[in-house]
Amino acid sequence: MRHFIKYIIRRLIFIIPVLLIPITLSAQSSDAYETAKKEIVQQFGSFLSLFEVFPEHALPGAWDNFKQLQSPENAIPPKYRELMQLAVASQIPCDYCIYYHVAVAKAFGATDEEIKEAVAHGAQTRHWSMVLQGNQVEFEDFKAEVDAALKYMSEK
């Protein structure tokens, strides 16, 4: 009987902490979610639907990523960052993203002409990507051609 009791106690020593992990993580996740939500409201004046529809357990990480990529310390200035994202959003296409990135790009000083050009660059990239991919141009050959063309142009 003693051995049986010791056996049960040993098992419980391992099982109880394992059972408590989800409870602890849930509390931490809830705190992190509330912190992220509070920061989002402070940043935007409301809890935007793009964050509201995101899974609660994943929102703190997504918000941290969002803040890091929007940081003023980034190498790419905000206006150019938004124009790049607009070019991508236009090619997906994503109406929500397009609206957001046009509005934010304008807030950072982008002109209508710069917005048109960003979209055109996105379209041009998609066009040539389709031409190259559709015709199955060998990637290593293409890289060699581009390198040779850049060398030629730099020597002109």
Foldseek 3Di string as FASTA:
>chain_A
DVVVVVVVVVVCVVVVVVVCVVVVLVVVLVVLLVVLQVVCCVVPVHRDVVLVPDPSSCSSVVSVVVCVVCDCPDPDHQLVVLLLQCLVCVVVPDPVSNVVSVVSNVVVPDDPVSNVVSVVVSVVVVVVVCVCVVVVPPPVVVVVVVVVVVVVVVVD
